[in-house]
């Protein structure tokens, strides 16, 4: 199979200042694409992402993903810069533990609102605004970054799990709705990924056990998520539309 080529293609990646988003930006740029690097608050980290990318036409774009108006303005800005969006990687997300037995009711409500506003509603609004442009183009690829927890659960973080399960369901529904317009939607569900989000686990005594959940003896690397995203966005992967790609390293087997 030939190497994917994104020359002349424009890619919007949300949450691209670090981790999976940064790895995706680098992957698409190395494959010839022009990348709009979205970030929420960490401008310095986004600048690092920008500087590491090959090519000169990439740009930074700031937006609060929980603000529907800001999301619409972000997409308008990218369209004004590039004329079109060929690929959206819906990656922006947050994680907070909130175990029910030890979380007070007020905090419980706040965490649910905060996580769903970012991980699900923010992703839905971004997808909506980008898809409207893709409908006009008659083509587009959308990749939602989900999680193994949508299937396996995570007792101490039910809002995060619910947000990722909702992201999967939304992607499958809209893959059906948007296929007639030449738009293809995919989800990637990684297990634990070696990013800042997992930093607390990496520093703790349970890290070895987490790595051993996979028979590969390690967790997922951000570059592996990025490689999968580029494959799904490439020509020839369209019939995977609506699919959820497990990137678990055989750590959890679902049927």
Protein backbone atom coordinates (compact mmCIF):
# COMPACT_ATOMS: atom_id res chain seq x y z
CA UNK A 1 0.00 0.00 0.00
CA UNK A 2 1.44 3.41 -0.95
CA UNK A 3 2.33 5.93 1.75
CA UNK A 4 -0.56 8.37 2.34
CA UNK A 5 -0.02 11.71 0.66
CA UNK A 6 -1.72 14.81 2.02
CA UNK A 7 -0.03 17.31 -0.28
CA UNK A 8 -2.51 20.11 -0.94
CA UNK A 9 -4.77 18.93 1.89
CA UNK A 10 -5.72 21.04 4.90
CA UNK A 11 -6.12 19.44 8.31
CA UNK A 12 -7.66 20.89 11.48
CA UNK A 13 -6.54 19.14 14.68
CA UNK A 14 -8.13 20.14 17.96
CA UNK A 15 -6.12 19.90 21.14
CA UNK A 16 -2.90 19.84 19.13
CA UNK A 17 -0.58 21.59 21.58
CA UNK A 18 0.61 18.32 23.17
CA UNK A 19 0.24 14.56 23.28
CA UNK A 20 -1.88 12.81 20.67
CA UNK A 21 -2.79 16.07 18.94
CA UNK A 22 0.84 17.10 18.54
CA UNK A 23 1.76 13.66 17.19
CA UNK A 24 -1.11 13.86 14.68
CA UNK A 25 -0.01 17.33 13.56
CA UNK A 26 3.51 16.07 12.98
CA UNK A 27 2.31 12.97 11.11
CA UNK A 28 0.05 14.87 8.71
CA UNK A 29 2.70 17.55 8.14
CA UNK A 30 5.35 14.92 7.37
CA UNK A 31 2.94 13.46 4.82
CA UNK A 32 2.63 16.82 3.05
CA UNK A 33 -0.47 18.25 4.71
CA UNK A 34 -1.03 21.78 5.95
CA UNK A 35 -2.12 21.78 9.58
CA UNK A 36 -4.22 24.18 11.63
CA UNK A 37 -3.07 23.59 15.22
CA UNK A 38 -5.90 24.30 17.64
CA UNK A 39 -5.13 24.94 21.29
CA UNK A 40 -7.24 26.02 24.23
CA UNK A 41 -4.95 27.81 26.68
CA UNK A 42 -1.36 26.59 26.37
CA UNK A 43 0.04 28.91 23.72
CA UNK A 44 3.66 28.05 24.56
CA UNK A 45 3.10 24.33 24.00
CA UNK A 46 1.23 25.05 20.75
CA UNK A 47 4.22 27.11 19.57
CA UNK A 48 6.45 24.09 20.22
CA UNK A 49 4.16 21.98 18.05
CA UNK A 50 4.24 24.59 15.28
CA UNK A 51 8.03 24.86 15.30
CA UNK A 52 8.54 21.11 15.04
CA UNK A 53 6.42 20.68 11.90
CA UNK A 54 8.04 20.47 8.47
CA UNK A 55 6.67 23.08 6.08
CA UNK A 56 5.78 26.73 6.52
CA UNK A 57 2.04 27.12 5.89
CA UNK A 58 0.84 25.70 9.20
CA UNK A 59 -0.86 28.00 11.68
CA UNK A 60 -1.99 28.23 15.28
CA UNK A 61 -5.59 28.86 16.19
CA UNK A 62 -6.91 29.42 19.70
CA UNK A 63 -10.44 28.66 20.82
CA UNK A 64 -12.31 27.55 23.92
CA UNK A 65 -13.77 24.29 22.64
CA UNK A 66 -16.63 24.57 25.17
CA UNK A 67 -17.77 27.88 23.64
CA UNK A 68 -20.02 27.22 20.65
CA UNK A 69 -19.41 30.69 19.17
CA UNK A 70 -15.65 30.30 19.54
CA UNK A 71 -15.80 26.95 17.75
CA UNK A 72 -17.69 28.49 14.83
CA UNK A 73 -15.19 31.36 14.64
CA UNK A 74 -12.28 28.89 14.73
CA UNK A 75 -13.63 26.98 11.74
CA UNK A 76 -14.33 30.23 9.88
CA UNK A 77 -10.73 31.33 10.50
CA UNK A 78 -9.34 28.09 9.10
CA UNK A 79 -11.55 28.38 6.03
CA UNK A 80 -10.44 31.99 5.51
CA UNK A 81 -6.79 30.87 5.70
CA UNK A 82 -6.95 27.72 3.59
CA UNK A 83 -10.23 27.82 1.68
CA UNK A 84 -11.26 24.34 2.83
CA UNK A 85 -10.83 21.67 5.49
CA UNK A 86 -10.12 18.22 4.15
CA UNK A 87 -9.55 16.42 7.45
CA UNK A 88 -10.74 17.07 11.00
CA UNK A 89 -9.09 15.27 13.90
CA UNK A 90 -11.45 15.77 16.85
CA UNK A 91 -8.94 15.27 19.63
CA UNK A 92 -9.46 17.96 22.30
CA UNK A 93 -10.41 16.41 25.61
CA UNK A 94 -9.97 16.49 29.37
CA UNK A 95 -9.87 13.84 32.08
CA UNK A 96 -10.79 14.13 35.74
CA UNK A 97 -11.30 11.45 38.34
CA UNK A 98 -14.53 11.75 40.34
CA UNK A 99 -15.26 8.47 42.16
CA UNK A 100 -18.88 8.48 43.24
CA UNK A 101 -18.38 7.25 46.84
CA UNK A 102 -15.99 10.09 47.73
CA UNK A 103 -17.20 12.97 45.52
CA UNK A 104 -19.68 15.49 46.92
CA UNK A 105 -22.79 16.22 44.89
CA UNK A 106 -21.81 19.75 43.83
CA UNK A 107 -18.40 18.59 42.57
CA UNK A 108 -20.03 15.63 40.84
CA UNK A 109 -22.28 17.97 38.84
CA UNK A 110 -19.45 20.35 38.01
CA UNK A 111 -17.21 17.57 36.70
CA UNK A 112 -19.94 16.06 34.53
CA UNK A 113 -20.77 19.43 32.98
CA UNK A 114 -17.11 20.28 32.40
CA UNK A 115 -16.12 16.95 30.84
CA UNK A 116 -19.18 16.58 28.61
CA UNK A 117 -18.89 20.21 27.49
CA UNK A 118 -15.35 19.57 26.26
CA UNK A 119 -15.19 15.94 25.21
CA UNK A 120 -18.64 15.50 23.70
CA UNK A 121 -20.50 18.76 23.10
CA UNK A 122 -17.34 20.60 22.04
CA UNK A 123 -16.46 17.78 19.68
CA UNK A 124 -20.03 17.73 18.33
CA UNK A 125 -19.99 21.48 17.68
CA UNK A 126 -16.61 21.27 15.96
CA UNK A 127 -17.82 18.39 13.82
CA UNK A 128 -21.00 20.28 12.92
CA UNK A 129 -19.19 23.44 11.81
CA UNK A 130 -16.58 21.53 9.81
CA UNK A 131 -19.13 19.16 8.27
CA UNK A 132 -21.16 22.10 6.95
CA UNK A 133 -18.08 23.16 4.96
CA UNK A 134 -17.36 19.59 3.88
CA UNK A 135 -20.93 19.24 2.57
CA UNK A 136 -20.27 22.24 0.32
CA UNK A 137 -16.99 20.66 -0.83
CA UNK A 138 -18.57 17.27 -1.40
CA UNK A 139 -15.80 15.49 0.53
CA UNK A 140 -14.05 15.21 3.87
CA UNK A 141 -12.66 12.90 6.53
CA UNK A 142 -13.42 13.22 10.24
CA UNK A 143 -11.54 11.24 12.90
CA UNK A 144 -12.80 11.27 16.49
CA UNK A 145 -10.31 10.31 19.19
CA UNK A 146 -12.20 8.08 21.60
CA UNK A 147 -10.92 5.70 24.28
CA UNK A 148 -10.79 2.07 25.33
CA UNK A 149 -12.69 3.13 28.44
CA UNK A 150 -15.86 3.50 26.34
CA UNK A 151 -15.92 -0.32 26.30
CA UNK A 152 -13.92 -1.31 29.35
CA UNK A 153 -15.18 1.32 31.78
CA UNK A 154 -13.23 3.32 34.36
CA UNK A 155 -14.98 3.31 37.74
CA UNK A 156 -13.28 6.43 39.05
CA UNK A 157 -14.08 8.52 35.94
CA UNK A 158 -17.62 7.77 34.71
CA UNK A 159 -18.14 11.15 33.03
CA UNK A 160 -15.02 10.66 30.91
CA UNK A 161 -16.21 7.17 29.93
CA UNK A 162 -19.68 8.47 29.07
CA UNK A 163 -18.20 11.25 26.94
CA UNK A 164 -16.16 8.79 24.89
CA UNK A 165 -19.04 6.33 24.50
CA UNK A 166 -21.17 9.24 23.32
CA UNK A 167 -18.46 10.27 20.86
CA UNK A 168 -18.51 6.76 19.37
CA UNK A 169 -22.29 6.76 19.02
CA UNK A 170 -22.30 10.22 17.48
CA UNK A 171 -19.63 9.23 14.97
CA UNK A 172 -21.49 6.12 13.88
CA UNK A 173 -24.78 8.00 13.48
CA UNK A 174 -23.23 10.84 11.51
CA UNK A 175 -21.22 8.45 9.33
CA UNK A 176 -24.59 7.27 8.06
CA UNK A 177 -26.02 10.76 7.78
CA UNK A 178 -23.06 12.30 5.94
CA UNK A 179 -21.98 9.48 3.62
CA UNK A 180 -24.21 10.78 0.78
CA UNK A 181 -22.16 14.00 0.89
CA UNK A 182 -18.83 12.24 0.47
CA UNK A 183 -17.92 12.65 4.15
CA UNK A 184 -16.43 9.72 6.04
CA UNK A 185 -16.24 9.50 9.83
CA UNK A 186 -14.04 7.21 11.92
CA UNK A 187 -13.19 6.76 15.58
CA UNK A 188 -9.94 5.62 17.18
CA UNK A 189 -10.15 4.09 20.65
CA UNK A 190 -6.69 3.91 22.24
CA UNK A 191 -5.90 2.30 25.55
CA UNK A 192 -3.56 4.15 27.90
CA UNK A 193 -1.35 6.45 25.84
CA UNK A 194 2.06 7.72 26.92
CA UNK A 195 1.07 11.39 27.20
CA UNK A 196 0.83 14.12 29.83
CA UNK A 197 -2.67 12.87 30.66
CA UNK A 198 -1.09 9.63 31.89
CA UNK A 199 1.78 11.36 33.71
CA UNK A 200 0.35 10.67 37.15
CA UNK A 201 0.07 6.96 36.34
CA UNK A 202 3.60 6.88 34.92
CA UNK A 203 4.99 8.28 38.15
CA UNK A 204 3.09 5.82 40.34
CA UNK A 205 3.70 2.26 41.45
CA UNK A 206 0.90 0.89 39.26
CA UNK A 207 2.59 1.87 35.97
CA UNK A 208 4.24 -1.51 35.48
CA UNK A 209 0.90 -3.25 35.93
CA UNK A 210 -0.74 -0.86 33.45
CA UNK A 211 1.93 -1.67 30.88
CA UNK A 212 1.41 -5.38 31.47
CA UNK A 213 -2.30 -5.09 30.59
CA UNK A 214 -1.11 -5.51 27.01
CA UNK A 215 0.78 -8.64 25.96
CA UNK A 216 3.10 -6.22 24.17
CA UNK A 217 4.29 -5.15 27.62
CA UNK A 218 3.79 -1.42 27.06
CA UNK A 219 1.17 1.26 26.53
CA UNK A 220 0.24 2.99 23.28
CA UNK A 221 2.53 5.67 21.86
CA UNK A 222 1.05 8.95 20.55
CA UNK A 223 2.74 8.29 17.22
CA UNK A 224 0.72 5.09 16.85
CA UNK A 225 -2.53 7.00 17.22
CA UNK A 226 -1.26 9.54 14.67
CA UNK A 227 -0.30 6.81 12.20
CA UNK A 228 -3.78 5.31 12.51
CA UNK A 229 -5.43 8.69 11.99
CA UNK A 230 -3.41 9.30 8.83
CA UNK A 231 -4.33 5.87 7.50
CA UNK A 232 -8.04 6.47 8.11
CA UNK A 233 -7.85 9.89 6.45
CA UNK A 234 -6.03 8.52 3.41
CA UNK A 235 -7.55 7.58 0.06
CA UNK A 236 -8.73 4.00 0.11
CA UNK A 237 -9.91 3.77 3.72
CA UNK A 238 -13.39 5.15 3.04
CA UNK A 239 -15.22 1.85 3.57
CA UNK A 240 -14.13 1.90 7.21
CA UNK A 241 -16.51 4.84 7.70
CA UNK A 242 -18.53 4.40 10.86
CA UNK A 243 -15.90 2.08 12.29
CA UNK A 244 -14.17 2.25 15.64
CA UNK A 245 -10.53 1.19 15.46
CA UNK A 246 -9.32 -0.49 18.65
CA UNK A 247 -5.80 0.60 19.53
CA UNK A 248 -5.63 -1.49 22.69
CA UNK A 249 -2.56 -3.64 22.07
CA UNK A 250 -4.83 -6.63 22.83
CA UNK A 251 -5.20 -5.34 26.40
CA UNK A 252 -8.97 -5.66 26.16
CA UNK A 253 -10.83 -7.86 23.70
CA UNK A 254 -14.36 -6.84 22.80
CA UNK A 255 -16.90 -8.65 20.63
